[in-house]
Amino acid sequence: MEKIWLKRYPAGVPEEIDPNHFNSLVDIFEKSVASYGERLSYVNMDREMSFNELDAESKKFAAYLQSKGLQKGDAIAVMMPNLLQYPVALFGILRAGLVVVNVNPLYTPRELKHQLSDAKAKGIVILENFAHTLEKVVSDLPELEHIFLTGIGDLLPTAKRWLVNFVVRRIKRMVPNYNLPQAVQFRDAISKGAKASYSRPELSGDDLAFLQYTGGTTGLAKGAMLSHRNMVANLEQVSAFIAPLVNDGEETIITALPLYHIFALTANCLTFMKHGGKNVLITNPRDMPGFVKELAKHPFSIISGVNTLFNGLLNTEGFKDLDFSNLKIALGGGMAVQRSVAEHWERVTKSRLLEGYGLTECSPVVTVNPTDIEHYNGTIGVPLPSTLVRVVDTETSKEVAQGETGELQVKGPQVMVGYLNRPDETDKVMDDGWFCTGDIGLMDENGFFKIVDRKKDMILVSGFNVYPNEIEDVMVDHPKVLEAAAVGVPHDSSGEAVKVFVVRKDKSLTERELIDFARENMTGYKVPKFVEFRDELPKTNVGKILRRELRDEEELKAKAGASKDA
C-alpha cells in the first residue's frame, strides 16, 4: 500500500524501525541506568529517585521474587496509583523474568477476581487502601501465593513516611479494615531481597512482558498478551518520532494518568525511561488545585493526558499563571481531543496539544501528529514508523477510497500476540495480520487519519449515521458548557434520537439555548432531541467519559416505562 503519510514525517524520522534492536525491556532499562545513573528517574510527593536508586531497589525486589521460587513467565499483578512503589515493582517484576499484570485499583471484588484468576497470577503488589477488596476474593484464588502490601508513604524518607501513613490510616481513614495475615510488606521484601542473589534471566522478544486487560465495558475483560518485542517496537517507534524534540537526560515529564493504564505506561514510564527523563508522578490528579500546585514546582517539558484532564486544568485557578516556557509536547490520547480544548490550551500555554491514537492491543501507540505541526488539526496524526493503517468497508472488509469512511485496521510489530486463552476472541479482531480496531475513521489526502467514532457508539437516526464525537465537539463549543456526552436513545419515528448530557460552566444555560446553538451548527438529524443537565458525567479512572453508562441508564428508563405502560 502507498504510505502517503511518509511525506509528512518530520526531518530525521525513519520510515522503519528495528523491533529487535533490544531483546527485551530489561535491556533498555539497563542501558538507561548505565547512561543516566545519577539523573532523576521519578519524583513523587517531593521524594526524588535517581536511575541508580531505581536500579538498586528494583533489583532487590527481583531477587526476592526469584528467591521465592517464582519462575520465568509467572504473572505478578500490580494494583496501585502513581507512587514510587510502582516503577520499583514494575522493573523488579520484569527483571525477574516475570509478567506484569496491571490492575485498576478501583476494581470491584468480582472484577479483581476475574483478572487475577484469568491471568493465573502468582502474586500481587497492592496498596493497602485496596487490600479489603482483595481479602473478599483471596480464598477463591489458590494460585495467588504472594501478596505484597504497601502504604502510600512507604518509599518516602522515614519521618515523612510515618507522618503520611499515619494521616492516611488514622486521620483520613482511607484504609478500610482488612485481614490478610499471609501478606508481606513491600518494604520488607526489598530489604530481604538485598540479601538474596539475583540471576538475570535470558529474555527474548517472544517472551511476554505484560498482560494488559481490556474490553471490560463489553463483558469480561480480556488479557492482551504484549511481548517484549511488542513493547520494544513501540518504544523504538515513539522514540524515533519524537526524537527531533527530545534531549536525552534532560526532559521533565508530568505523569498524571495512572501508570497501570497502557497510555501512560508506554508514553511516560517506558519511553522516557529510555530517554533518561524525569517522570513527576501525580498520585491524585482529580485534586486539580493540588495538581496545579505540583506543576508549579517543576519546569516541565512534556505532559500527557486525556481531553477531560486538559480541560480540567484549563478551568482550574492558577493554571494559566504557570511557567510554560519549557513545554515542548502536550500529548492527548485515550479519547478524542476536542477542538475547543486544544485551541484553549494553545492560547494559554503557547504550545500545541498533539493528538495521538492507540489501543491496548497495539502496545498502544499507532498514530500521532507530527511534532512540527503549527496548530491542532482535528486528526489523530500519521502512522508511526513500521506501522500500516488502512480503512476498510465495515460490511465487505475491502479497502475504501481515500477520504471515505470505514473501520481502521492496523498492522505492525506493536500489535499484540493475542488474547490470553481466547483464540476465538483473537480471531474476531485479527484479519490476516491486520488488527481490526472497531473505530470508524478516514484518511485525508496528506495521509493524516481522523477518527469519526466507535462502531458501537454510532447513533442511527432515520438511517443516517450520527457520530457522538461530532455532537460533543459542537456542544463544548458553547461558552457555557464544560463537558458533554452524546448517546442514542430509542425514538418511535426515527429509530434512535440524540440525547446529550451536559455539565454547565454557567447555570443560566437552558435546554432551548443549547438546542438553538446546535441547530446553528449542525444539520437537522444531528441536533439533540433531548438535553439533560448534570453536575458531573461518569468517567473511567483516567477521565474518559463513559457513554456506555449513560446508554445503560437510558435503556433501564425505557424498560421501566414500557413496564408501566403494559
Protein backbone atom coordinates (compact mmCIF):
# COMPACT_ATOMS: atom_id res chain seq x y z
CA MET A 1 0.00 0.00 0.00
CA GLU A 2 1.14 3.57 -0.66
CA LYS A 3 2.34 5.26 2.53
CA ILE A 4 1.44 8.80 1.58
CA TRP A 5 1.85 9.84 5.23
CA LEU A 6 5.64 9.48 4.94
CA LYS A 7 5.75 12.84 3.16
CA ARG A 8 4.57 14.41 6.39
CA TYR A 9 7.22 12.87 8.65
CA PRO A 10 9.45 15.47 10.37
CA ALA A 11 13.05 15.56 9.13
CA GLY A 12 15.11 12.72 10.54
CA VAL A 13 12.21 10.39 11.34
CA PRO A 14 12.83 6.99 9.68
CA GLU A 15 10.28 5.02 7.68
CA GLU A 16 11.14 1.82 9.56
CA ILE A 17 12.49 0.83 12.98
CA ASP A 18 14.16 -2.38 14.13
CA PRO A 19 11.80 -4.14 16.59
CA ASN A 20 14.69 -6.42 17.54
CA HIS A 21 17.08 -3.59 18.40
CA PHE A 22 16.83 -4.76 22.02
CA ASN A 23 15.96 -8.27 23.15
CA SER A 24 13.77 -7.01 25.97
CA LEU A 25 12.65 -4.07 28.07
CA VAL A 26 15.24 -5.18 30.61
CA ASP A 27 18.00 -4.46 28.06
CA ILE A 28 16.65 -0.92 27.59
CA PHE A 29 16.38 -0.41 31.35
CA GLU A 30 19.97 -1.50 31.95
CA LYS A 31 21.24 0.75 29.15
CA SER A 32 19.39 3.73 30.65
CA VAL A 33 20.82 3.07 34.11
CA ALA A 34 24.31 2.95 32.61
CA SER A 35 23.72 6.19 30.69
CA TYR A 36 21.75 8.26 33.21
CA GLY A 37 22.58 6.71 36.59
CA GLU A 38 22.87 9.91 38.63
CA ARG A 39 19.94 11.65 36.93
CA LEU A 40 16.46 11.62 38.42
CA SER A 41 14.07 8.97 37.14
CA TYR A 42 10.97 9.64 39.30
CA VAL A 43 9.65 12.27 41.66
CA ASN A 44 6.59 11.79 43.88
CA MET A 45 5.47 13.77 46.91
CA ASP A 46 8.79 15.68 46.71
CA ARG A 47 10.78 12.44 47.07
CA GLU A 48 13.35 12.07 44.28
CA MET A 49 14.66 8.75 42.95
CA SER A 50 17.66 8.51 40.64
CA PHE A 51 18.13 5.87 37.96
CA ASN A 52 20.82 4.27 40.13
CA GLU A 53 18.44 4.06 43.09
CA LEU A 54 15.66 2.66 40.90
CA ASP A 55 18.17 0.11 39.62
CA ALA A 56 19.16 -0.95 43.15
CA GLU A 57 15.63 -1.11 44.59
CA SER A 58 14.09 -2.95 41.63
CA LYS A 59 16.98 -5.43 41.58
CA LYS A 60 16.38 -6.22 45.27
CA PHE A 61 12.70 -6.88 44.57
CA ALA A 62 13.61 -9.05 41.57
CA ALA A 63 16.00 -11.05 43.73
CA TYR A 64 13.33 -11.53 46.40
CA LEU A 65 10.81 -12.77 43.81
CA GLN A 66 13.34 -15.25 42.45
CA SER A 67 14.22 -16.40 45.98
CA LYS A 68 10.57 -17.39 46.48
CA GLY A 69 10.70 -19.84 43.60
CA LEU A 70 8.84 -17.77 41.05
CA GLN A 71 9.73 -18.90 37.55
CA LYS A 72 10.23 -17.05 34.28
CA GLY A 73 6.82 -16.31 32.76
CA ASP A 74 4.87 -16.33 36.04
CA ALA A 75 2.39 -13.47 36.33
CA ILE A 76 2.55 -10.85 39.09
CA ALA A 77 -0.17 -8.20 39.42
CA VAL A 78 0.37 -4.56 40.42
CA MET A 79 -2.59 -2.66 41.90
CA MET A 80 -1.82 0.93 42.90
CA PRO A 81 -1.99 4.56 41.77
CA ASN A 82 1.05 6.60 40.76
CA LEU A 83 3.54 6.12 43.58
CA LEU A 84 7.28 5.43 43.60
CA GLN A 85 6.44 1.85 44.50
CA TYR A 86 5.01 1.35 41.02
CA PRO A 87 8.24 1.64 38.97
CA VAL A 88 10.19 -0.27 41.62
CA ALA A 89 7.69 -3.14 41.43
CA LEU A 90 7.33 -2.92 37.65
CA PHE A 91 11.02 -3.12 36.82
CA GLY A 92 11.60 -5.64 39.60
CA ILE A 93 9.00 -7.97 38.09
CA LEU A 94 10.37 -7.58 34.56
CA ARG A 95 13.97 -8.05 35.74
CA ALA A 96 12.99 -11.30 37.43
CA GLY A 97 11.73 -12.56 34.05
CA LEU A 98 8.10 -12.38 35.17
CA VAL A 99 5.00 -10.93 33.51
CA VAL A 100 3.34 -7.73 34.78
CA VAL A 101 -0.45 -7.73 35.15
CA ASN A 102 -1.63 -4.16 35.64
CA VAL A 103 -4.78 -3.85 37.75
CA ASN A 104 -7.09 -0.89 38.16
CA PRO A 105 -7.24 -0.08 41.91
CA LEU A 106 -10.92 0.83 41.60
CA TYR A 107 -11.90 -2.71 40.60
CA THR A 108 -14.72 -4.40 42.45
CA PRO A 109 -14.04 -7.81 44.04
CA ARG A 110 -15.71 -9.50 41.06
CA GLU A 111 -13.53 -7.69 38.53
CA LEU A 112 -10.37 -8.30 40.56
CA LYS A 113 -11.12 -12.00 40.97
CA HIS A 114 -11.72 -12.41 37.24
CA GLN A 115 -8.49 -10.71 36.25
CA LEU A 116 -6.23 -12.47 38.77
CA SER A 117 -7.84 -15.83 38.05
CA ASP A 118 -7.70 -15.38 34.28
CA ALA A 119 -4.03 -14.36 34.41
CA LYS A 120 -3.21 -17.17 36.87
CA ALA A 121 -1.37 -14.53 38.89
CA LYS A 122 1.10 -15.97 41.38
CA GLY A 123 1.41 -12.73 43.28
CA ILE A 124 0.21 -9.15 43.66
CA VAL A 125 1.75 -5.88 44.82
CA ILE A 126 -1.16 -3.91 46.24
CA LEU A 127 -1.65 -0.60 48.02
CA GLU A 128 -3.14 -1.25 51.46
CA ASN A 129 -6.03 1.10 50.68
CA PHE A 130 -7.42 -1.63 48.39
CA ALA A 131 -6.46 -4.68 50.46
CA HIS A 132 -10.06 -5.10 51.66
CA THR A 133 -11.11 -5.77 48.06
CA LEU A 134 -8.50 -8.50 47.71
CA GLU A 135 -9.50 -10.04 51.05
CA LYS A 136 -13.00 -10.71 49.70
CA VAL A 137 -11.73 -12.92 46.88
CA VAL A 138 -8.35 -14.25 48.01
CA SER A 139 -9.83 -17.58 49.16
CA ASP A 140 -11.04 -18.14 45.59
CA LEU A 141 -7.53 -17.63 44.18
CA PRO A 142 -5.48 -20.68 45.14
CA GLU A 143 -2.67 -19.78 42.75
CA LEU A 144 -2.13 -16.38 44.38
CA GLU A 145 0.71 -17.36 46.71
CA HIS A 146 2.40 -13.99 47.26
CA ILE A 147 0.80 -10.76 48.49
CA PHE A 148 2.92 -7.64 48.91
CA LEU A 149 1.33 -4.77 50.82
CA THR A 150 2.48 -1.17 50.71
CA GLY A 151 1.34 2.11 52.24
CA ILE A 152 1.18 5.40 50.36
CA GLY A 153 4.21 6.81 52.18
CA ASP A 154 6.36 3.68 52.21
CA LEU A 155 9.18 4.94 49.97
CA LEU A 156 9.31 8.43 51.45
CA PRO A 157 12.04 9.49 53.95
CA THR A 158 11.49 7.98 57.42
CA ALA A 159 9.81 10.89 59.20
CA LYS A 160 7.60 11.76 56.23
CA ARG A 161 6.75 8.07 55.73
CA TRP A 162 5.44 7.75 59.28
CA LEU A 163 3.52 11.01 59.03
CA VAL A 164 1.91 10.30 55.64
CA ASN A 165 0.93 6.75 56.56
CA PHE A 166 -0.46 7.88 59.92
CA VAL A 167 -2.59 10.59 58.30
CA VAL A 168 -3.82 8.24 55.56
CA ARG A 169 -4.67 5.44 58.01
CA ARG A 170 -5.79 7.25 61.15
CA ILE A 171 -6.85 10.77 60.25
CA LYS A 172 -8.33 10.44 56.76
CA ARG A 173 -9.25 6.78 57.34
CA MET A 174 -8.50 5.87 53.73
CA VAL A 175 -7.52 2.29 54.56
CA PRO A 176 -10.60 0.11 55.28
CA ASN A 177 -10.08 -2.80 57.66
CA TYR A 178 -8.70 -5.95 56.08
CA ASN A 179 -7.31 -9.29 57.16
CA LEU A 180 -4.51 -10.73 55.02
CA PRO A 181 -2.21 -12.48 57.50
CA GLN A 182 -0.21 -14.12 54.71
CA ALA A 183 0.84 -10.76 53.23
CA VAL A 184 4.43 -9.49 53.23
CA GLN A 185 5.24 -5.79 53.47
CA PHE A 186 6.73 -4.49 50.22
CA ARG A 187 9.48 -2.72 52.16
CA ASP A 188 10.37 -5.97 53.92
CA ALA A 189 10.54 -7.83 50.61
CA ILE A 190 13.01 -5.26 49.27
CA SER A 191 15.04 -5.42 52.47
CA LYS A 192 15.25 -9.23 52.29
CA GLY A 193 15.96 -9.07 48.58
CA ALA A 194 19.15 -7.16 49.35
CA LYS A 195 20.50 -10.36 50.91
CA ALA A 196 19.29 -12.67 48.14
CA SER A 197 21.14 -13.41 44.92
CA TYR A 198 19.82 -12.06 41.63
CA SER A 199 20.08 -14.07 38.43
CA ARG A 200 19.49 -12.11 35.24
CA PRO A 201 17.06 -14.12 33.11
CA GLU A 202 17.56 -14.85 29.43
CA LEU A 203 14.76 -12.95 27.71
CA SER A 204 13.81 -12.84 24.05
CA GLY A 205 11.37 -10.72 22.13
CA ASP A 206 8.88 -13.59 22.17
CA ASP A 207 8.63 -13.66 25.97
CA LEU A 208 5.59 -11.93 27.46
CA ALA A 209 6.16 -8.64 29.27
CA PHE A 210 2.57 -7.60 30.09
CA LEU A 211 -0.93 -8.97 30.37
CA GLN A 212 -2.87 -5.78 29.83
CA TYR A 213 -6.61 -6.23 30.33
CA THR A 214 -9.10 -4.54 28.03
CA GLY A 215 -12.69 -4.74 26.85
CA GLY A 216 -14.36 -4.91 30.23
CA THR A 217 -17.06 -2.49 29.09
CA THR A 218 -18.47 -5.16 26.76
CA GLY A 219 -18.29 -8.12 29.12
CA LEU A 220 -15.42 -9.84 30.91
CA ALA A 221 -12.08 -8.14 30.36
CA LYS A 222 -9.63 -9.92 28.06
CA GLY A 223 -5.88 -10.10 28.67
CA ALA A 224 -3.94 -8.67 25.72
CA MET A 225 -0.63 -10.53 25.58
CA LEU A 226 2.09 -7.96 24.94
CA SER A 227 5.52 -9.43 24.33
CA HIS A 228 8.86 -7.77 24.97
CA ARG A 229 9.14 -7.40 21.18
CA ASN A 230 5.76 -5.63 21.03
CA MET A 231 6.79 -3.18 23.72
CA VAL A 232 10.35 -2.65 22.46
CA ALA A 233 8.95 -1.99 18.97
CA ASN A 234 6.52 0.64 20.25
CA LEU A 235 9.26 2.35 22.27
CA GLU A 236 11.50 2.43 19.19
CA GLN A 237 8.62 3.79 17.10
CA VAL A 238 7.65 6.52 19.54
CA SER A 239 11.28 7.40 20.25
CA ALA A 240 12.05 7.78 16.55
CA PHE A 241 9.02 10.01 16.05
CA ILE A 242 9.66 12.41 18.95
CA ALA A 243 13.47 12.43 18.64
CA PRO A 244 13.58 15.83 16.88
CA LEU A 245 12.19 17.48 20.04
CA VAL A 246 13.67 15.39 22.86
CA ASN A 247 17.00 15.97 24.59
CA ASP A 248 18.10 12.74 26.26
CA GLY A 249 18.59 13.01 30.00
CA GLU A 250 17.06 16.49 30.22
CA GLU A 251 13.28 16.19 29.94
CA THR A 252 10.77 16.52 32.79
CA ILE A 253 7.53 14.64 32.19
CA ILE A 254 4.27 15.18 34.06
CA THR A 255 2.60 11.81 34.61
CA ALA A 256 -0.96 12.32 35.79
CA LEU A 257 -2.58 9.38 34.04
CA PRO A 258 -2.12 6.17 36.05
CA LEU A 259 0.88 4.06 35.07
CA TYR A 260 -1.24 0.92 35.13
CA HIS A 261 -3.01 2.37 32.06
CA ILE A 262 -1.28 1.41 28.80
CA PHE A 263 -1.11 5.03 27.54
CA ALA A 264 0.91 6.35 30.49
CA LEU A 265 2.81 3.07 30.82
CA THR A 266 4.31 3.38 27.34
CA ALA A 267 4.22 7.12 26.63
CA ASN A 268 5.54 8.22 30.03
CA CYS A 269 7.05 5.43 32.09
CA LEU A 270 8.83 3.38 29.42
CA THR A 271 9.52 5.91 26.65
CA PHE A 272 11.14 8.42 28.97
CA MET A 273 12.94 5.71 30.90
CA LYS A 274 14.59 5.03 27.53
CA HIS A 275 15.38 8.74 27.07
CA GLY A 276 16.61 9.33 30.63
CA GLY A 277 13.71 11.62 31.52
CA LYS A 278 12.38 12.55 34.95
CA ASN A 279 8.77 11.45 35.48
CA VAL A 280 6.84 13.53 38.02
CA LEU A 281 4.17 11.16 39.34
CA ILE A 282 0.82 12.74 40.22
CA THR A 283 -0.95 10.43 42.66
CA ASN A 284 -4.33 12.18 42.68
CA PRO A 285 -4.88 14.30 39.54
CA ARG A 286 -8.57 14.70 40.42
CA ASP A 287 -7.43 17.19 43.05
CA MET A 288 -6.99 19.88 40.40
CA PRO A 289 -5.86 22.70 42.77
CA GLY A 290 -3.26 20.34 44.27
CA PHE A 291 -2.23 19.22 40.78
CA VAL A 292 -1.64 22.84 39.70
CA LYS A 293 0.45 23.47 42.84
CA GLU A 294 2.60 20.44 41.96
CA LEU A 295 3.02 21.67 38.38
CA ALA A 296 4.34 24.97 39.73
CA LYS A 297 7.27 23.13 41.34
CA HIS A 298 8.59 21.63 38.11
CA PRO A 299 9.72 23.32 34.86
CA PHE A 300 8.08 20.56 32.84
CA SER A 301 8.70 19.93 29.16
CA ILE A 302 6.29 17.04 28.44
CA ILE A 303 2.76 16.35 29.65
CA SER A 304 0.29 13.70 28.58
CA GLY A 305 -3.37 13.33 29.38
CA VAL A 306 -6.90 12.84 28.18
CA ASN A 307 -9.20 15.61 26.98
CA THR A 308 -11.02 15.90 30.32
CA LEU A 309 -7.72 16.31 32.19
CA PHE A 310 -6.54 19.15 29.92
CA ASN A 311 -9.98 20.76 30.13
CA GLY A 312 -9.93 20.45 33.91
CA LEU A 313 -6.53 22.12 34.17
CA LEU A 314 -7.59 24.97 31.90
CA ASN A 315 -10.57 25.61 34.18
CA THR A 316 -8.55 25.48 37.42
CA GLU A 317 -7.46 28.69 39.11
CA GLY A 318 -3.74 29.31 38.86
CA PHE A 319 -3.04 27.11 35.85
CA LYS A 320 -2.81 29.97 33.36
CA ASP A 321 -0.19 31.65 35.60
CA LEU A 322 2.28 28.73 35.40
CA ASP A 323 5.57 28.96 33.51
CA PHE A 324 5.16 27.12 30.20
CA SER A 325 8.43 28.27 28.66
CA ASN A 326 9.91 24.75 28.76
CA LEU A 327 6.84 22.94 27.42
CA LYS A 328 7.60 21.05 24.19
CA ILE A 329 4.96 18.36 23.93
CA ALA A 330 1.43 18.08 25.27
CA LEU A 331 0.08 14.73 24.11
CA GLY A 332 -3.61 13.87 24.20
CA GLY A 333 -4.94 10.33 23.82
CA GLY A 334 -7.33 7.81 25.34
CA MET A 335 -10.33 9.72 23.97
CA ALA A 336 -10.92 12.36 21.33
CA VAL A 337 -9.28 15.74 21.92
CA GLN A 338 -11.92 18.41 21.37
CA ARG A 339 -11.03 21.40 19.21
CA SER A 340 -12.25 23.91 21.79
CA VAL A 341 -9.96 22.37 24.43
CA ALA A 342 -6.96 22.17 22.08
CA GLU A 343 -7.33 25.77 20.98
CA HIS A 344 -7.83 26.98 24.57
CA TRP A 345 -4.70 25.03 25.56
CA GLU A 346 -2.70 26.71 22.79
CA ARG A 347 -3.85 30.18 23.82
CA VAL A 348 -2.94 29.62 27.46
CA THR A 349 0.31 27.64 27.14
CA LYS A 350 1.53 28.88 23.74
CA SER A 351 2.18 25.23 22.85
CA ARG A 352 0.32 22.71 20.71
CA LEU A 353 -1.81 19.90 22.06
CA LEU A 354 -0.86 16.95 19.86
CA GLU A 355 -3.41 14.20 19.49
CA GLY A 356 -2.37 10.59 19.12
CA TYR A 357 -4.22 7.31 18.83
CA GLY A 358 -3.61 3.88 20.22
CA LEU A 359 -5.16 0.74 21.61
CA THR A 360 -4.19 -1.65 24.37
CA GLU A 361 -3.75 -4.35 21.72
CA CYS A 362 -1.16 -2.18 19.95
CA SER A 363 1.12 -1.52 22.95
CA PRO A 364 -0.59 1.08 22.46
CA VAL A 365 0.59 3.81 20.05
CA VAL A 366 -0.49 3.61 16.39
CA THR A 367 -0.56 7.21 15.13
CA VAL A 368 0.48 10.61 16.41
CA ASN A 369 0.59 14.09 14.99
CA PRO A 370 4.00 15.27 13.73
CA THR A 371 5.86 17.35 16.28
CA ASP A 372 6.22 20.19 13.77
CA ILE A 373 2.53 20.91 13.14
CA GLU A 374 1.69 24.53 13.80
CA HIS A 375 -1.80 24.11 15.27
CA TYR A 376 -4.34 21.49 16.31
CA ASN A 377 -5.71 19.94 13.13
CA GLY A 378 -8.54 17.68 14.31
CA THR A 379 -6.76 14.47 13.32
CA ILE A 380 -5.04 11.64 15.17
CA GLY A 381 -1.94 12.18 13.05
CA VAL A 382 0.01 9.78 10.89
CA PRO A 383 1.13 6.16 11.46
CA LEU A 384 4.37 5.60 13.36
CA PRO A 385 7.39 4.09 11.57
CA SER A 386 6.89 0.41 10.63
CA THR A 387 3.12 0.84 11.06
CA LEU A 388 0.47 0.36 8.39
CA VAL A 389 -3.09 1.66 8.78
CA ARG A 390 -5.88 1.06 6.31
CA VAL A 391 -9.59 1.93 6.13
CA VAL A 392 -11.98 -0.86 5.15
CA ASP A 393 -15.69 -1.14 4.45
CA THR A 394 -17.43 -2.44 7.58
CA GLU A 395 -19.56 -4.88 5.55
CA THR A 396 -17.16 -6.19 2.87
CA SER A 397 -13.79 -5.62 4.64
CA LYS A 398 -12.46 -4.24 1.37
CA GLU A 399 -10.26 -1.15 1.45
CA VAL A 400 -12.16 2.06 0.69
CA ALA A 401 -11.00 5.04 -1.34
CA GLN A 402 -9.05 7.86 0.24
CA GLY A 403 -11.37 10.21 2.11
CA GLU A 404 -14.09 7.60 2.55
CA THR A 405 -15.17 6.37 5.98
CA GLY A 406 -14.66 2.82 7.25
CA GLU A 407 -13.10 0.74 10.02
CA LEU A 408 -9.45 1.38 10.82
CA GLN A 409 -7.17 -1.66 10.74
CA VAL A 410 -3.55 -1.75 11.93
CA LYS A 411 -0.52 -3.86 11.10
CA GLY A 412 2.88 -3.52 12.75
CA PRO A 413 5.34 -5.07 15.23
CA GLN A 414 3.48 -3.46 18.15
CA VAL A 415 0.29 -5.49 17.53
CA MET A 416 -0.31 -7.96 20.39
CA VAL A 417 0.37 -11.69 20.32
CA GLY A 418 -3.34 -12.27 21.01
CA TYR A 419 -5.82 -12.50 23.88
CA LEU A 420 -4.83 -14.85 26.69
CA ASN A 421 -6.67 -18.19 26.45
CA ARG A 422 -9.17 -16.69 23.97
CA PRO A 423 -8.26 -17.80 20.45
CA ASP A 424 -11.87 -17.22 19.34
CA GLU A 425 -11.76 -13.59 20.52
CA THR A 426 -8.34 -13.17 18.90
CA ASP A 427 -9.70 -14.47 15.60
CA LYS A 428 -12.53 -11.93 15.75
CA VAL A 429 -10.13 -8.99 15.76
CA MET A 430 -7.35 -10.29 13.50
CA ASP A 431 -7.65 -10.37 9.72
CA ASP A 432 -4.55 -11.82 8.02
CA GLY A 433 -2.20 -9.93 10.33
CA TRP A 434 -4.35 -6.80 10.49
CA PHE A 435 -5.85 -5.79 13.84
CA CYS A 436 -9.47 -4.64 13.49
CA THR A 437 -9.81 -1.65 15.81
CA GLY A 438 -13.59 -1.21 15.85
CA ASP A 439 -13.00 2.51 15.28
CA ILE A 440 -14.55 4.33 12.34
CA GLY A 441 -12.28 6.77 10.55
CA LEU A 442 -10.83 8.05 7.31
CA MET A 443 -7.51 9.11 5.75
CA ASP A 444 -7.14 12.52 4.11
CA GLU A 445 -5.07 13.45 1.06
CA ASN A 446 -1.94 14.03 3.19
CA GLY A 447 -2.06 10.68 4.98
CA PHE A 448 -3.50 12.06 8.23
CA PHE A 449 -6.13 9.89 9.87
CA LYS A 450 -9.28 11.07 11.60
CA ILE A 451 -11.46 9.10 13.97
CA VAL A 452 -15.15 9.55 13.34
CA ASP A 453 -16.32 7.29 16.17
CA ARG A 454 -16.52 3.85 17.70
CA LYS A 455 -18.75 1.46 15.78
CA LYS A 456 -20.71 0.61 18.92
CA ASP A 457 -21.22 4.30 19.84
CA MET A 458 -22.63 5.29 16.47
CA ILE A 459 -26.22 6.60 16.57
CA LEU A 460 -28.57 5.70 13.72
CA VAL A 461 -31.14 8.46 13.12
CA SER A 462 -33.62 7.67 10.32
CA GLY A 463 -30.94 5.69 8.53
CA PHE A 464 -28.28 8.39 8.91
CA ASN A 465 -25.08 7.70 10.85
CA VAL A 466 -24.58 10.23 13.65
CA TYR A 467 -21.24 10.23 15.46
CA PRO A 468 -21.22 11.28 19.14
CA ASN A 469 -17.77 12.89 18.84
CA GLU A 470 -19.13 15.44 16.39
CA ILE A 471 -22.14 16.26 18.59
CA GLU A 472 -19.92 16.63 21.66
CA ASP A 473 -17.45 18.86 19.81
CA VAL A 474 -20.26 21.25 18.92
CA MET A 475 -21.75 21.20 22.43
CA VAL A 476 -18.49 22.11 24.17
CA ASP A 477 -18.00 24.98 21.74
CA HIS A 478 -20.85 26.71 23.56
CA PRO A 479 -19.24 29.10 26.06
CA LYS A 480 -21.49 27.94 28.91
CA VAL A 481 -20.67 24.21 28.51
CA LEU A 482 -17.89 22.46 30.42
CA GLU A 483 -18.41 18.84 29.30
CA ALA A 484 -20.83 16.91 27.13
CA ALA A 485 -21.65 13.32 26.19
CA ALA A 486 -23.97 12.22 23.40
CA VAL A 487 -25.78 8.88 23.15
CA GLY A 488 -28.56 7.36 21.10
CA VAL A 489 -31.93 6.74 22.74
CA PRO A 490 -34.94 4.86 21.29
CA HIS A 491 -37.34 7.01 19.25
CA ASP A 492 -40.66 5.99 17.70
CA SER A 493 -40.27 7.71 14.33
CA SER A 494 -36.51 7.86 13.74
CA GLY A 495 -35.41 4.60 15.41
CA GLU A 496 -32.91 6.48 17.54
CA ALA A 497 -32.59 10.10 18.60
CA VAL A 498 -29.66 12.05 20.00
CA LYS A 499 -29.59 12.83 23.69
CA VAL A 500 -26.85 14.95 25.25
CA PHE A 501 -25.78 15.03 28.87
CA VAL A 502 -24.19 18.36 29.74
CA VAL A 503 -22.16 19.77 32.62
CA ARG A 504 -22.58 23.55 32.63
CA LYS A 505 -19.98 26.21 33.33
CA ASP A 506 -22.83 28.69 33.69
CA LYS A 507 -26.06 27.54 35.37
CA SER A 508 -28.07 30.06 33.34
CA LEU A 509 -27.73 27.83 30.25
CA THR A 510 -31.12 26.43 29.19
CA GLU A 511 -32.12 23.45 27.08
CA ARG A 512 -33.66 25.75 24.44
CA GLU A 513 -30.49 27.85 24.22
CA LEU A 514 -28.36 24.75 23.69
CA ILE A 515 -30.64 23.21 21.06
CA ASP A 516 -30.77 26.51 19.18
CA PHE A 517 -26.98 26.59 19.24
CA ALA A 518 -26.88 23.02 17.88
CA ARG A 519 -29.26 23.95 15.05
CA GLU A 520 -26.96 26.75 14.01
CA ASN A 521 -24.02 24.38 13.78
CA MET A 522 -25.39 21.01 12.64
CA THR A 523 -27.75 19.54 10.11
CA GLY A 524 -31.23 18.72 11.42
CA TYR A 525 -30.99 14.98 12.08
CA LYS A 526 -27.86 15.51 14.24
CA VAL A 527 -29.47 18.07 16.53
CA PRO A 528 -30.14 16.64 20.01
CA LYS A 529 -33.79 15.97 20.74
CA PHE A 530 -33.15 15.64 24.47
CA VAL A 531 -30.87 17.51 26.86
CA GLU A 532 -30.11 16.56 30.46
CA PHE A 533 -28.01 18.77 32.71
CA ARG A 534 -25.81 17.06 35.28
CA ASP A 535 -23.29 18.10 37.91
CA GLU A 536 -20.81 15.53 36.57
CA LEU A 537 -20.52 12.79 33.97
CA PRO A 538 -19.49 9.18 34.65
CA LYS A 539 -15.83 8.63 33.80
CA THR A 540 -13.21 5.90 33.80
CA ASN A 541 -10.28 6.05 36.18
CA VAL A 542 -8.31 8.02 33.56
CA GLY A 543 -11.10 10.53 32.99
CA LYS A 544 -12.62 9.13 29.81
CA ILE A 545 -16.35 9.81 29.68
CA LEU A 546 -18.37 6.59 29.89
CA ARG A 547 -21.07 6.87 27.26
CA ARG A 548 -21.89 3.22 27.95
CA GLU A 549 -23.13 4.01 31.47
CA LEU A 550 -25.34 6.77 30.12
CA ARG A 551 -26.74 4.45 27.45
CA ASP A 552 -27.41 1.79 30.07
CA GLU A 553 -29.30 4.31 32.21
CA GLU A 554 -31.48 5.26 29.25
CA GLU A 555 -32.20 1.62 28.43
CA LEU A 556 -33.32 0.98 32.02
CA LYS A 557 -35.60 4.04 31.87
CA ALA A 558 -37.09 2.81 28.59
CA LYS A 559 -37.74 -0.66 30.03
CA ALA A 560 -39.29 0.80 33.17
CA GLY A 561 -41.52 3.00 31.06
CA ALA A 562 -42.59 0.06 28.90
CA SER A 563 -43.48 -1.95 32.03
CA LYS A 564 -45.68 0.86 33.36
CA ASP A 565 -47.47 1.17 30.01
CA ALA A 566 -48.09 -2.58 30.00
